[in-house]
Amino acid sequence: MKNVFLYLLLFPILAMAQKKVANSAEEISPLLIGAELPKATVQKTDSTLVSVRALTSKKKTVLIVYRGGWCPYCNQHLKNVATIENEILSLGYQILAISPDSPSSLSKTLDKDQLNYTLLSDSKGELLTALGITFEAPLIYKPIISKGSNKVNKNFLPVPSVYVINEDNKIVFEYIAPDYKNRISEQLLLAVLKSL
């Protein structure tokens, strides 16, 4: 009984700590491998709301988190993943990419980068913050992220990340690099997917 009481006392504190926006990219507290993908609602390019878990419970998922369509490193990474999309699909995975961009900004990224996989909007940071990968954006980025999110997001950036989620919504692999210039290579990502 004592352990149950302690858990009930600590759970709200732990949940609040996990949902905090860090001061910098180096201070994030990401969920670990084995954790469940948090429940969150995001938007599709047509602005309809969708549960992330409803999408990921259908099929094994490669979930890419990127800063926004304004970021050249993110755009290059999205294009690189597109070059191996058929191989990823043949391994039984789907590809979802999420950013704080608004649905209209996502549509521009899809057209510009000629992507076939699904882009999702988390302008409020519900999922990104629950994953523990958001941090206070430097002042220089605040006008850019505000514009990209149609003024919904004015203060946070996500650390670019790649997660592999199984059908039980568990994180089975993650690549998180606080330096936004570092991204997982296509070859390494494919090797990971083949080994899981």
Protein backbone atom coordinates (compact mmCIF):
# COMPACT_ATOMS: atom_id res chain seq x y z
CA MET A 1 0.00 0.00 0.00
CA LYS A 2 2.87 2.33 0.85
CA ASN A 3 4.39 1.83 -2.65
CA VAL A 4 1.05 2.56 -4.33
CA PHE A 5 0.70 5.77 -2.32
CA LEU A 6 4.25 6.82 -3.22
CA TYR A 7 3.59 6.11 -6.92
CA LEU A 8 0.35 8.13 -6.84
CA LEU A 9 2.20 10.97 -5.16
CA LEU A 10 5.16 10.94 -7.57
CA PHE A 11 3.34 10.22 -10.86
CA PRO A 12 2.01 13.79 -11.36
CA ILE A 13 5.46 15.20 -10.54
CA LEU A 14 7.17 12.84 -13.00
CA ALA A 15 4.57 13.58 -15.67
CA MET A 16 5.04 17.32 -15.24
CA ALA A 17 8.82 16.98 -15.38
CA GLN A 18 8.59 15.04 -18.64
CA LYS A 19 6.38 17.70 -20.24
CA LYS A 20 8.74 20.60 -19.53
CA VAL A 21 10.41 22.57 -22.31
CA ALA A 22 14.15 22.47 -21.61
CA ASN A 23 16.33 25.58 -21.55
CA SER A 24 18.61 24.27 -24.30
CA ALA A 25 18.96 21.34 -26.69
CA GLU A 26 21.63 19.83 -24.46
CA GLU A 27 19.28 19.82 -21.44
CA ILE A 28 16.40 17.79 -22.91
CA SER A 29 15.12 14.67 -21.11
CA PRO A 30 13.89 12.35 -23.86
CA LEU A 31 11.82 9.26 -23.33
CA LEU A 32 13.95 6.14 -23.42
CA ILE A 33 13.79 2.99 -25.51
CA GLY A 34 11.02 0.78 -24.14
CA ALA A 35 8.80 3.73 -23.21
CA GLU A 36 5.35 4.08 -24.72
CA LEU A 37 4.73 6.72 -27.33
CA PRO A 38 2.73 9.43 -25.52
CA LYS A 39 -0.91 10.02 -26.35
CA ALA A 40 -1.23 13.18 -28.39
CA THR A 41 -3.35 14.73 -31.09
CA VAL A 42 -1.69 16.31 -34.11
CA GLN A 43 -2.88 17.71 -37.44
CA LYS A 44 -2.64 16.36 -40.96
CA THR A 45 -1.89 18.59 -43.94
CA ASP A 46 -5.65 19.14 -44.42
CA SER A 47 -5.87 20.38 -40.77
CA THR A 48 -7.86 17.37 -39.55
CA LEU A 49 -6.96 16.18 -36.07
CA VAL A 50 -5.58 12.69 -35.62
CA SER A 51 -4.30 10.65 -32.71
CA VAL A 52 -0.64 9.78 -33.20
CA ARG A 53 -1.20 6.43 -31.54
CA ALA A 54 -4.06 5.65 -33.93
CA LEU A 55 -1.55 6.04 -36.76
CA THR A 56 1.32 4.13 -35.15
CA SER A 57 -0.75 1.21 -33.85
CA LYS A 58 -1.62 0.22 -37.43
CA LYS A 59 1.93 -0.51 -38.53
CA LYS A 60 5.55 -0.38 -37.40
CA THR A 61 6.59 3.24 -37.78
CA VAL A 62 9.64 5.33 -38.51
CA LEU A 63 8.81 8.64 -36.83
CA ILE A 64 11.00 11.55 -37.91
CA VAL A 65 10.98 14.73 -35.84
CA TYR A 66 12.25 17.80 -37.66
CA ARG A 67 12.46 21.50 -36.83
CA GLY A 68 10.44 22.80 -39.78
CA GLY A 69 10.36 23.26 -43.52
CA TRP A 70 12.45 26.41 -43.11
CA CYS A 71 15.46 24.35 -41.91
CA PRO A 72 17.82 23.31 -44.75
CA TYR A 73 19.29 20.46 -42.67
CA CYS A 74 15.79 19.12 -42.02
CA ASN A 75 14.81 19.38 -45.68
CA GLN A 76 17.93 17.50 -46.73
CA HIS A 77 17.26 14.79 -44.14
CA LEU A 78 13.65 14.40 -45.32
CA LYS A 79 14.88 14.08 -48.92
CA ASN A 80 17.53 11.53 -47.87
CA VAL A 81 14.91 9.39 -46.15
CA ALA A 82 12.76 9.65 -49.29
CA THR A 83 15.57 7.94 -51.25
CA ILE A 84 15.14 4.81 -49.12
CA GLU A 85 11.38 5.04 -48.70
CA ASN A 86 10.63 1.97 -50.85
CA GLU A 87 13.10 -0.13 -48.86
CA ILE A 88 11.58 1.06 -45.58
CA LEU A 89 8.08 0.22 -46.82
CA SER A 90 9.21 -3.20 -48.04
CA LEU A 91 10.42 -3.95 -44.50
CA GLY A 92 6.86 -3.38 -43.25
CA TYR A 93 7.24 0.14 -41.88
CA GLN A 94 5.40 3.36 -42.53
CA ILE A 95 7.11 6.78 -42.39
CA LEU A 96 5.65 9.72 -40.47
CA ALA A 97 7.43 13.06 -40.06
CA ILE A 98 6.35 15.65 -37.53
CA SER A 99 7.31 19.25 -36.86
CA PRO A 100 5.86 22.38 -35.22
CA ASP A 101 4.98 23.70 -38.71
CA SER A 102 1.34 24.47 -39.44
CA PRO A 103 -0.60 22.23 -41.85
CA SER A 104 -0.22 24.81 -44.65
CA SER A 105 3.56 24.93 -44.10
CA LEU A 106 3.64 21.12 -44.23
CA SER A 107 1.95 21.20 -47.62
CA LYS A 108 4.64 23.56 -48.92
CA THR A 109 7.35 21.19 -47.66
CA LEU A 110 5.66 18.21 -49.33
CA ASP A 111 5.51 20.04 -52.64
CA LYS A 112 8.99 21.54 -52.45
CA ASP A 113 10.77 18.35 -51.38
CA GLN A 114 8.50 16.02 -53.41
CA LEU A 115 7.84 13.71 -50.46
CA ASN A 116 5.39 10.81 -50.57
CA TYR A 117 5.25 10.02 -46.87
CA THR A 118 2.99 11.63 -44.26
CA LEU A 119 3.87 14.95 -42.60
CA LEU A 120 2.14 15.92 -39.37
CA SER A 121 1.81 19.21 -37.50
CA ASP A 122 2.39 19.58 -33.74
CA SER A 123 2.42 23.37 -33.52
CA LYS A 124 1.32 23.29 -29.87
CA GLY A 125 4.11 20.84 -29.02
CA GLU A 126 1.83 18.31 -27.34
CA LEU A 127 3.65 15.23 -28.62
CA LEU A 128 7.08 16.80 -29.02
CA THR A 129 7.14 18.06 -25.43
CA ALA A 130 5.76 14.76 -24.09
CA LEU A 131 8.65 13.02 -25.90
CA GLY A 132 10.96 15.25 -23.85
CA ILE A 133 12.75 16.76 -26.85
CA THR A 134 11.59 20.40 -26.89
CA PHE A 135 13.71 23.33 -25.76
CA GLU A 136 13.42 27.10 -25.59
CA ALA A 137 14.19 28.47 -29.04
CA PRO A 138 16.98 31.05 -29.30
CA LEU A 139 15.64 34.56 -30.02
CA ILE A 140 16.88 34.49 -33.61
CA TYR A 141 14.54 31.55 -34.39
CA LYS A 142 11.38 32.87 -32.72
CA PRO A 143 10.09 34.90 -35.72
CA ILE A 144 10.84 31.95 -38.03
CA ILE A 145 9.02 29.36 -35.92
CA SER A 146 6.12 31.73 -35.31
CA LYS A 147 5.69 32.23 -39.07
CA GLY A 148 6.08 28.49 -39.83
CA SER A 149 3.41 27.57 -37.27
CA ASN A 150 0.99 30.39 -38.20
CA LYS A 151 1.79 32.07 -34.86
CA VAL A 152 0.81 29.03 -32.77
CA ASN A 153 4.38 28.20 -31.66
CA LYS A 154 6.38 31.17 -30.46
CA ASN A 155 8.93 29.65 -28.13
CA PHE A 156 10.08 26.05 -28.70
CA LEU A 157 12.10 23.93 -31.09
CA PRO A 158 12.33 20.13 -31.10
CA VAL A 159 15.67 18.37 -31.18
CA PRO A 160 15.72 16.54 -34.55
CA SER A 161 15.14 12.86 -33.84
CA VAL A 162 14.22 9.55 -35.40
CA TYR A 163 12.16 6.98 -33.51
CA VAL A 164 11.17 3.48 -34.47
CA ILE A 165 7.83 2.57 -32.92
CA ASN A 166 6.35 -0.94 -32.86
CA GLU A 167 2.64 -1.80 -33.20
CA ASP A 168 2.30 -1.72 -29.40
CA ASN A 169 3.33 1.96 -29.48
CA LYS A 170 6.65 1.20 -27.78
CA ILE A 171 9.86 3.00 -28.72
CA VAL A 172 12.26 0.29 -29.93
CA PHE A 173 14.97 2.61 -31.32
CA GLU A 174 15.78 6.30 -31.15
CA TYR A 175 18.39 8.63 -32.60
CA ILE A 176 18.45 12.01 -30.87
CA ALA A 177 21.22 14.53 -31.53
CA PRO A 178 21.12 17.95 -29.84
CA ASP A 179 23.33 19.31 -32.64
CA TYR A 180 20.75 19.88 -35.37
CA LYS A 181 23.40 19.38 -38.07
CA ASN A 182 23.84 15.70 -37.10
CA ARG A 183 21.28 13.29 -38.58
CA ILE A 184 21.13 9.53 -38.84
CA SER A 185 22.35 8.32 -42.24
CA GLU A 186 20.07 6.40 -44.55
CA GLN A 187 22.41 3.39 -44.41
CA LEU A 188 22.39 3.27 -40.61
CA LEU A 189 18.62 3.70 -40.46
CA LEU A 190 18.11 0.82 -42.89
CA ALA A 191 20.55 -1.36 -40.93
CA VAL A 192 18.60 -0.64 -37.73
CA LEU A 193 15.25 -1.45 -39.35
CA LYS A 194 16.58 -4.73 -40.76
CA SER A 195 17.91 -5.73 -37.32
CA LEU A 196 14.68 -5.07 -35.40
